[in-house]
Amino acid sequence: MMIEIRELHSLQEQFHARMIFDSVWPAANETQITANLLQAQVHNGSYLVGVFDGTKVVGASFGFPTIEPEIHLHSHMTAFVSSHRDLGLGTQVKLHQWTWAKERGYQSITWTYDPLVRRNARFNILKLGADIIDYLPNFYGNMADELNNGDESDRMTVRWDTTTKIPLPRAEILDPPYDAELIALPKDIVEIRMSDPNLNMRYRFEVRSAFQEAFAAGKRVIGFSANNEYVLE
């Protein structure tokens, strides 16, 4: 496997990225981002890369600059074709983003993810060493794509500092502090969402309520435990 990550500038290159996004989040008669909007974003300094295995585009990532509450890159979408998932390419793309943003003077990268997806929580908090900064209930409203339709689109906001010399991962917490609050996650919420929507929503509202109460009390996420729990103090 010969992997290369490179920026996509032309309309034809951008077309391949759009097809990746639409294949991962398929929605009837809709596209994740229109060609003219993507072209305008890229032309004006947004981040768009393709992940190439030889000459084939197997993944793509899109982000745009923003200034609130600081000058940073917001990473909006990253996706891979099914044959190239769980191969560590997500880490490679994130590190490429980190370097790209740092070289351009951004103070951080932000993105969102579903707080119930255990592997994403582990990846963001432990492998990347990013910080959880906010919980956004039903952030996108109902999402019409096949993966999310019918669920509420709660999202966790992540901030990844780009002012350090290198990214700093975290070790998982083996022995949480005695006074820590622990918020546990199901093993595979994506499977539960498809097989038992009612159970999915029960987990959704339980985790949402726990985070809203914890954040209102001034607690913050300090890590992720070996038992697959958010650890807050």
C-alpha atoms as a PDB file:
ATOM      1  CA  MET A   1       0.000   0.000   0.000  1.00  0.00           C
ATOM      2  CA  MET A   2       1.544   3.272  -1.207  1.00  0.00           C
ATOM      3  CA  ILE A   3      -0.258   6.034   0.682  1.00  0.00           C
ATOM      4  CA  GLU A   4       0.118   9.711  -0.171  1.00  0.00           C
ATOM      5  CA  ILE A   5      -1.856  12.652   1.236  1.00  0.00           C
ATOM      6  CA  ARG A   6      -2.012  15.699  -0.984  1.00  0.00           C
ATOM      7  CA  GLU A   7      -4.090  18.831  -1.408  1.00  0.00           C
ATOM      8  CA  LEU A   8      -6.846  18.872  -4.018  1.00  0.00           C
ATOM      9  CA  HIS A   9      -7.081  22.071  -6.062  1.00  0.00           C
ATOM     10  CA  SER A  10      -8.797  21.420  -9.383  1.00  0.00           C
ATOM     11  CA  LEU A  11     -12.506  20.780  -9.876  1.00  0.00           C
ATOM     12  CA  GLN A  12     -11.742  17.256 -11.077  1.00  0.00           C
ATOM     13  CA  GLU A  13      -9.693  16.496  -7.963  1.00  0.00           C
ATOM     14  CA  GLN A  14     -12.415  17.944  -5.779  1.00  0.00           C
ATOM     15  CA  PHE A  15     -14.991  15.756  -7.524  1.00  0.00           C
ATOM     16  CA  HIS A  16     -13.213  12.655  -6.183  1.00  0.00           C
ATOM     17  CA  ALA A  17     -13.383  14.033  -2.642  1.00  0.00           C
ATOM     18  CA  ARG A  18     -17.095  14.788  -3.004  1.00  0.00           C
ATOM     19  CA  MET A  19     -17.745  11.236  -4.208  1.00  0.00           C
ATOM     20  CA  ILE A  20     -15.952   9.871  -1.135  1.00  0.00           C
ATOM     21  CA  PHE A  21     -18.113  11.988   1.177  1.00  0.00           C
ATOM     22  CA  ASP A  22     -21.346  11.059  -0.605  1.00  0.00           C
ATOM     23  CA  SER A  23     -20.515   7.351  -0.598  1.00  0.00           C
ATOM     24  CA  VAL A  24     -19.856   7.311   3.152  1.00  0.00           C
ATOM     25  CA  TRP A  25     -22.907   9.452   4.039  1.00  0.00           C
ATOM     26  CA  PRO A  26     -25.389   8.565   1.268  1.00  0.00           C
ATOM     27  CA  ALA A  27     -28.620  10.560   1.168  1.00  0.00           C
ATOM     28  CA  ALA A  28     -31.316  10.399  -1.494  1.00  0.00           C
ATOM     29  CA  ASN A  29     -31.020  13.221  -4.046  1.00  0.00           C
ATOM     30  CA  GLU A  30     -28.563  15.132  -1.850  1.00  0.00           C
ATOM     31  CA  THR A  31     -24.839  15.790  -1.756  1.00  0.00           C
ATOM     32  CA  GLN A  32     -22.755  16.511   1.324  1.00  0.00           C
ATOM     33  CA  ILE A  33     -21.252  19.632  -0.271  1.00  0.00           C
ATOM     34  CA  THR A  34     -21.920  21.157  -3.669  1.00  0.00           C
ATOM     35  CA  ALA A  35     -19.176  21.555  -6.257  1.00  0.00           C
ATOM     36  CA  ASN A  36     -19.386  25.349  -6.394  1.00  0.00           C
ATOM     37  CA  LEU A  37     -19.265  25.762  -2.607  1.00  0.00           C
ATOM     38  CA  LEU A  38     -16.274  23.429  -2.283  1.00  0.00           C
ATOM     39  CA  GLN A  39     -14.449  25.222  -5.085  1.00  0.00           C
ATOM     40  CA  ALA A  40     -15.057  28.600  -3.402  1.00  0.00           C
ATOM     41  CA  GLN A  41     -13.854  27.257  -0.050  1.00  0.00           C
ATOM     42  CA  VAL A  42     -10.670  25.723  -1.458  1.00  0.00           C
ATOM     43  CA  HIS A  43      -9.901  28.785  -3.574  1.00  0.00           C
ATOM     44  CA  ASN A  44     -10.091  30.928  -0.433  1.00  0.00           C
ATOM     45  CA  GLY A  45      -7.796  28.880   1.763  1.00  0.00           C
ATOM     46  CA  SER A  46      -9.786  25.942   3.076  1.00  0.00           C
ATOM     47  CA  TYR A  47      -8.194  22.564   3.714  1.00  0.00           C
ATOM     48  CA  LEU A  48      -9.042  19.767   1.261  1.00  0.00           C
ATOM     49  CA  VAL A  49      -6.868  16.702   0.827  1.00  0.00           C
ATOM     50  CA  GLY A  50      -7.193  13.366  -0.867  1.00  0.00           C
ATOM     51  CA  VAL A  51      -5.697  10.157   0.468  1.00  0.00           C
ATOM     52  CA  PHE A  52      -4.200   8.245  -2.448  1.00  0.00           C
ATOM     53  CA  ASP A  53      -3.335   4.558  -2.585  1.00  0.00           C
ATOM     54  CA  GLY A  54      -1.266   4.666  -5.736  1.00  0.00           C
ATOM     55  CA  THR A  55      -3.454   6.539  -8.215  1.00  0.00           C
ATOM     56  CA  LYS A  56      -6.761   5.737  -6.489  1.00  0.00           C
ATOM     57  CA  VAL A  57      -8.411   8.208  -4.117  1.00  0.00           C
ATOM     58  CA  VAL A  58      -9.418   6.187  -1.026  1.00  0.00           C
ATOM     59  CA  GLY A  59     -10.152   9.000   1.427  1.00  0.00           C
ATOM     60  CA  ALA A  60     -10.653  12.726   1.753  1.00  0.00           C
ATOM     61  CA  SER A  61     -10.719  15.408   4.428  1.00  0.00           C
ATOM     62  CA  PHE A  62     -12.190  18.916   4.379  1.00  0.00           C
ATOM     63  CA  GLY A  63     -11.823  21.795   6.836  1.00  0.00           C
ATOM     64  CA  PHE A  64     -12.255  25.556   6.808  1.00  0.00           C
ATOM     65  CA  PRO A  65     -10.697  28.497   8.690  1.00  0.00           C
ATOM     66  CA  THR A  66     -12.612  30.361  11.375  1.00  0.00           C
ATOM     67  CA  ILE A  67     -11.870  33.043  13.964  1.00  0.00           C
ATOM     68  CA  GLU A  68     -14.133  32.351  16.962  1.00  0.00           C
ATOM     69  CA  PRO A  69     -13.015  32.083  19.725  1.00  0.00           C
ATOM     70  CA  GLU A  70      -9.518  32.067  18.193  1.00  0.00           C
ATOM     71  CA  ILE A  71      -7.980  31.691  14.752  1.00  0.00           C
ATOM     72  CA  HIS A  72      -8.288  27.985  14.041  1.00  0.00           C
ATOM     73  CA  LEU A  73      -9.065  25.350  11.433  1.00  0.00           C
ATOM     74  CA  HIS A  74     -12.397  23.570  11.768  1.00  0.00           C
ATOM     75  CA  SER A  75     -12.116  20.034  10.417  1.00  0.00           C
ATOM     76  CA  HIS A  76     -15.588  19.302   9.062  1.00  0.00           C
ATOM     77  CA  MET A  77     -15.439  15.948   7.229  1.00  0.00           C
ATOM     78  CA  THR A  78     -13.000  13.052   6.947  1.00  0.00           C
ATOM     79  CA  ALA A  79     -13.975   9.808   5.248  1.00  0.00           C
ATOM     80  CA  PHE A  80     -12.499   6.672   3.683  1.00  0.00           C
ATOM     81  CA  VAL A  81     -13.792   3.990   1.341  1.00  0.00           C
ATOM     82  CA  SER A  82     -14.643   0.760   3.178  1.00  0.00           C
ATOM     83  CA  SER A  83     -11.504  -1.082   2.015  1.00  0.00           C
ATOM     84  CA  HIS A  84      -9.251   1.505   3.663  1.00  0.00           C
ATOM     85  CA  ARG A  85     -10.877   1.969   7.062  1.00  0.00           C
ATOM     86  CA  ASP A  86      -9.264   0.887  10.335  1.00  0.00           C
ATOM     87  CA  LEU A  87      -5.796   0.932   8.758  1.00  0.00           C
ATOM     88  CA  GLY A  88      -4.444   3.923  10.655  1.00  0.00           C
ATOM     89  CA  LEU A  89      -5.088   6.360   7.811  1.00  0.00           C
ATOM     90  CA  GLY A  90      -7.232   8.577  10.027  1.00  0.00           C
ATOM     91  CA  THR A  91      -4.212   9.212  12.228  1.00  0.00           C
ATOM     92  CA  GLN A  92      -2.094  10.082   9.192  1.00  0.00           C
ATOM     93  CA  VAL A  93      -4.691  12.577   7.981  1.00  0.00           C
ATOM     94  CA  LYS A  94      -5.025  14.197  11.406  1.00  0.00           C
ATOM     95  CA  LEU A  95      -1.255  14.611  11.692  1.00  0.00           C
ATOM     96  CA  HIS A  96      -1.191  16.119   8.193  1.00  0.00           C
ATOM     97  CA  GLN A  97      -3.924  18.550   9.289  1.00  0.00           C
ATOM     98  CA  TRP A  98      -1.998  19.421  12.424  1.00  0.00           C
ATOM     99  CA  THR A  99       1.178  20.262  10.482  1.00  0.00           C
ATOM    100  CA  TRP A 100      -0.767  22.136   7.785  1.00  0.00           C
ATOM    101  CA  ALA A 101      -2.565  24.259  10.387  1.00  0.00           C
ATOM    102  CA  LYS A 102       0.575  24.907  12.442  1.00  0.00           C
ATOM    103  CA  GLU A 103       2.536  26.060   9.390  1.00  0.00           C
ATOM    104  CA  ARG A 104      -0.210  28.585   8.613  1.00  0.00           C
ATOM    105  CA  GLY A 105      -0.321  30.058  12.097  1.00  0.00           C
ATOM    106  CA  TYR A 106      -3.557  28.524  13.332  1.00  0.00           C
ATOM    107  CA  GLN A 107      -3.740  28.168  17.099  1.00  0.00           C
ATOM    108  CA  SER A 108      -5.784  24.992  17.065  1.00  0.00           C
ATOM    109  CA  ILE A 109      -7.939  22.562  15.105  1.00  0.00           C
ATOM    110  CA  THR A 110     -11.504  21.845  16.144  1.00  0.00           C
ATOM    111  CA  TRP A 111     -13.988  19.210  15.035  1.00  0.00           C
ATOM    112  CA  THR A 112     -17.074  17.424  16.291  1.00  0.00           C
ATOM    113  CA  TYR A 113     -17.940  13.775  16.767  1.00  0.00           C
ATOM    114  CA  ASP A 114     -20.806  11.694  18.125  1.00  0.00           C
ATOM    115  CA  PRO A 115     -20.113  11.428  21.886  1.00  0.00           C
ATOM    116  CA  LEU A 116     -21.550   7.898  21.962  1.00  0.00           C
ATOM    117  CA  VAL A 117     -19.022   6.437  19.511  1.00  0.00           C
ATOM    118  CA  ARG A 118     -16.483   4.800  21.782  1.00  0.00           C
ATOM    119  CA  ARG A 119     -13.652   4.347  19.296  1.00  0.00           C
ATOM    120  CA  ASN A 120     -13.822   8.012  18.271  1.00  0.00           C
ATOM    121  CA  ALA A 121     -13.694   9.125  21.894  1.00  0.00           C
ATOM    122  CA  ARG A 122     -10.611   6.967  22.488  1.00  0.00           C
ATOM    123  CA  PHE A 123      -8.974   8.198  19.294  1.00  0.00           C
ATOM    124  CA  ASN A 124      -9.558  11.891  19.978  1.00  0.00           C
ATOM    125  CA  ILE A 125      -8.790  11.954  23.698  1.00  0.00           C
ATOM    126  CA  LEU A 126      -6.025   9.363  23.950  1.00  0.00           C
ATOM    127  CA  LYS A 127      -4.274   8.908  20.614  1.00  0.00           C
ATOM    128  CA  LEU A 128      -4.379  12.559  19.547  1.00  0.00           C
ATOM    129  CA  GLY A 129      -4.396  14.091  23.021  1.00  0.00           C
ATOM    130  CA  ALA A 130      -7.122  16.570  22.075  1.00  0.00           C
ATOM    131  CA  ASP A 131      -9.397  18.325  24.581  1.00  0.00           C
ATOM    132  CA  ILE A 132     -13.174  18.056  24.903  1.00  0.00           C
ATOM    133  CA  ILE A 133     -14.544  21.601  25.172  1.00  0.00           C
ATOM    134  CA  ASP A 134     -18.319  21.443  24.622  1.00  0.00           C
ATOM    135  CA  TYR A 135     -21.394  19.230  24.264  1.00  0.00           C
ATOM    136  CA  LEU A 136     -23.840  20.255  21.515  1.00  0.00           C
ATOM    137  CA  PRO A 137     -27.312  18.628  21.720  1.00  0.00           C
ATOM    138  CA  ASN A 138     -28.868  17.754  18.341  1.00  0.00           C
ATOM    139  CA  PHE A 139     -26.321  20.061  16.706  1.00  0.00           C
ATOM    140  CA  TYR A 140     -27.169  19.354  13.043  1.00  0.00           C
ATOM    141  CA  GLY A 141     -30.845  18.566  13.580  1.00  0.00           C
ATOM    142  CA  ASN A 142     -32.086  15.485  11.740  1.00  0.00           C
ATOM    143  CA  MET A 143     -29.450  14.236   9.306  1.00  0.00           C
ATOM    144  CA  ALA A 144     -30.919  12.597   6.221  1.00  0.00           C
ATOM    145  CA  ASP A 145     -28.033  10.262   5.452  1.00  0.00           C
ATOM    146  CA  GLU A 146     -28.403   6.532   6.038  1.00  0.00           C
ATOM    147  CA  LEU A 147     -25.986   6.419   8.969  1.00  0.00           C
ATOM    148  CA  ASN A 148     -27.677   9.097  11.075  1.00  0.00           C
ATOM    149  CA  ASN A 149     -31.299   9.340   9.965  1.00  0.00           C
ATOM    150  CA  GLY A 150     -33.753   9.019  12.847  1.00  0.00           C
ATOM    151  CA  ASP A 151     -31.227   9.788  15.579  1.00  0.00           C
ATOM    152  CA  GLU A 152     -30.533  13.103  17.295  1.00  0.00           C
ATOM    153  CA  SER A 153     -27.231  14.584  16.147  1.00  0.00           C
ATOM    154  CA  ASP A 154     -25.555  15.297  19.491  1.00  0.00           C
ATOM    155  CA  ARG A 155     -21.936  16.269  18.998  1.00  0.00           C
ATOM    156  CA  MET A 156     -18.894  16.723  21.173  1.00  0.00           C
ATOM    157  CA  THR A 157     -16.591  19.603  20.281  1.00  0.00           C
ATOM    158  CA  VAL A 158     -12.885  18.798  20.258  1.00  0.00           C
ATOM    159  CA  ARG A 159     -10.000  21.272  20.381  1.00  0.00           C
ATOM    160  CA  TRP A 160      -6.479  20.193  19.374  1.00  0.00           C
ATOM    161  CA  ASP A 161      -3.700  22.636  20.229  1.00  0.00           C
ATOM    162  CA  THR A 162      -1.283  23.395  17.369  1.00  0.00           C
ATOM    163  CA  THR A 163       1.062  25.669  19.328  1.00  0.00           C
ATOM    164  CA  THR A 164       3.065  22.802  20.867  1.00  0.00           C
ATOM    165  CA  LYS A 165       6.152  21.335  19.192  1.00  0.00           C
ATOM    166  CA  ILE A 166       4.464  18.005  18.601  1.00  0.00           C
ATOM    167  CA  PRO A 167       1.036  16.530  19.399  1.00  0.00           C
ATOM    168  CA  LEU A 168       0.967  15.003  22.873  1.00  0.00           C
ATOM    169  CA  PRO A 169      -1.098  11.799  23.303  1.00  0.00           C
ATOM    170  CA  ARG A 170      -2.626  10.738  26.635  1.00  0.00           C
ATOM    171  CA  ALA A 171      -2.431   7.422  28.429  1.00  0.00           C
ATOM    172  CA  GLU A 172      -5.762   5.849  29.318  1.00  0.00           C
ATOM    173  CA  ILE A 173      -6.715   6.264  32.956  1.00  0.00           C
ATOM    174  CA  LEU A 174      -6.365   2.950  34.780  1.00  0.00           C
ATOM    175  CA  ASP A 175      -7.334   4.228  38.228  1.00  0.00           C
ATOM    176  CA  PRO A 176      -9.664   7.259  38.059  1.00  0.00           C
ATOM    177  CA  PRO A 177      -9.494   9.760  40.939  1.00  0.00           C
ATOM    178  CA  TYR A 178     -11.858   8.882  43.785  1.00  0.00           C
ATOM    179  CA  ASP A 179     -13.938  12.005  43.207  1.00  0.00           C
ATOM    180  CA  ALA A 180     -14.107  11.726  39.405  1.00  0.00           C
ATOM    181  CA  GLU A 181     -17.376  11.406  37.523  1.00  0.00           C
ATOM    182  CA  LEU A 182     -17.435   8.547  35.029  1.00  0.00           C
ATOM    183  CA  ILE A 183     -19.705   8.529  31.975  1.00  0.00           C
ATOM    184  CA  ALA A 184     -19.765   5.088  30.364  1.00  0.00           C
ATOM    185  CA  LEU A 185     -20.374   4.322  26.692  1.00  0.00           C
ATOM    186  CA  PRO A 186     -21.984   1.300  24.989  1.00  0.00           C
ATOM    187  CA  LYS A 187     -19.725  -1.021  23.027  1.00  0.00           C
ATOM    188  CA  ASP A 188     -21.079  -0.210  19.548  1.00  0.00           C
ATOM    189  CA  ILE A 189     -23.701   2.526  19.312  1.00  0.00           C
ATOM    190  CA  VAL A 190     -23.782   2.307  15.504  1.00  0.00           C
ATOM    191  CA  GLU A 191     -24.940  -1.313  15.663  1.00  0.00           C
ATOM    192  CA  ILE A 192     -27.410  -0.469  18.440  1.00  0.00           C
ATOM    193  CA  ARG A 193     -28.797   2.420  16.385  1.00  0.00           C
ATOM    194  CA  MET A 194     -29.627   0.020  13.556  1.00  0.00           C
ATOM    195  CA  SER A 195     -30.899  -2.899  15.657  1.00  0.00           C
ATOM    196  CA  ASP A 196     -32.655  -1.164  18.570  1.00  0.00           C
ATOM    197  CA  PRO A 197     -33.500   2.518  17.999  1.00  0.00           C
ATOM    198  CA  ASN A 198     -35.239   2.819  21.380  1.00  0.00           C
ATOM    199  CA  LEU A 199     -32.146   1.620  23.244  1.00  0.00           C
ATOM    200  CA  ASN A 200     -30.041   3.984  21.148  1.00  0.00           C
ATOM    201  CA  MET A 201     -32.172   6.934  22.226  1.00  0.00           C
ATOM    202  CA  ARG A 202     -32.000   5.848  25.866  1.00  0.00           C
ATOM    203  CA  TYR A 203     -28.207   5.936  25.712  1.00  0.00           C
ATOM    204  CA  ARG A 204     -28.377   9.252  23.826  1.00  0.00           C
ATOM    205  CA  PHE A 205     -30.437  11.035  26.465  1.00  0.00           C
ATOM    206  CA  GLU A 206     -28.587   9.490  29.426  1.00  0.00           C
ATOM    207  CA  VAL A 207     -25.189  10.606  28.155  1.00  0.00           C
ATOM    208  CA  ARG A 208     -26.533  14.023  27.124  1.00  0.00           C
ATOM    209  CA  SER A 209     -28.029  14.641  30.558  1.00  0.00           C
ATOM    210  CA  ALA A 210     -24.870  13.499  32.343  1.00  0.00           C
ATOM    211  CA  PHE A 211     -22.656  15.843  30.315  1.00  0.00           C
ATOM    212  CA  GLN A 212     -24.968  18.813  30.585  1.00  0.00           C
ATOM    213  CA  GLU A 213     -25.127  18.467  34.364  1.00  0.00           C
ATOM    214  CA  ALA A 214     -21.370  17.915  34.680  1.00  0.00           C
ATOM    215  CA  PHE A 215     -20.429  20.867  32.478  1.00  0.00           C
ATOM    216  CA  ALA A 216     -22.948  23.104  34.268  1.00  0.00           C
ATOM    217  CA  ALA A 217     -21.209  22.160  37.533  1.00  0.00           C
ATOM    218  CA  GLY A 218     -17.843  23.250  36.121  1.00  0.00           C
ATOM    219  CA  LYS A 219     -16.430  19.797  35.497  1.00  0.00           C
ATOM    220  CA  ARG A 220     -14.292  18.977  32.481  1.00  0.00           C
ATOM    221  CA  VAL A 221     -13.089  15.855  30.710  1.00  0.00           C
ATOM    222  CA  ILE A 222      -9.601  14.952  31.919  1.00  0.00           C
ATOM    223  CA  GLY A 223      -9.266  11.669  30.037  1.00  0.00           C
ATOM    224  CA  PHE A 224     -10.740   8.318  29.076  1.00  0.00           C
ATOM    225  CA  SER A 225     -10.620   5.215  31.225  1.00  0.00           C
ATOM    226  CA  ALA A 226      -9.542   1.655  30.525  1.00  0.00           C
ATOM    227  CA  ASN A 227     -13.211   0.731  31.067  1.00  0.00           C
ATOM    228  CA  ASN A 228     -14.314   3.000  28.200  1.00  0.00           C
ATOM    229  CA  GLU A 229     -15.630   5.853  30.307  1.00  0.00           C
ATOM    230  CA  TYR A 230     -15.206   9.592  30.023  1.00  0.00           C
ATOM    231  CA  VAL A 231     -13.438  10.766  33.183  1.00  0.00           C
ATOM    232  CA  LEU A 232     -14.479  14.203  34.462  1.00  0.00           C
ATOM    233  CA  GLU A 233     -13.350  16.343  37.387  1.00  0.00           C
END
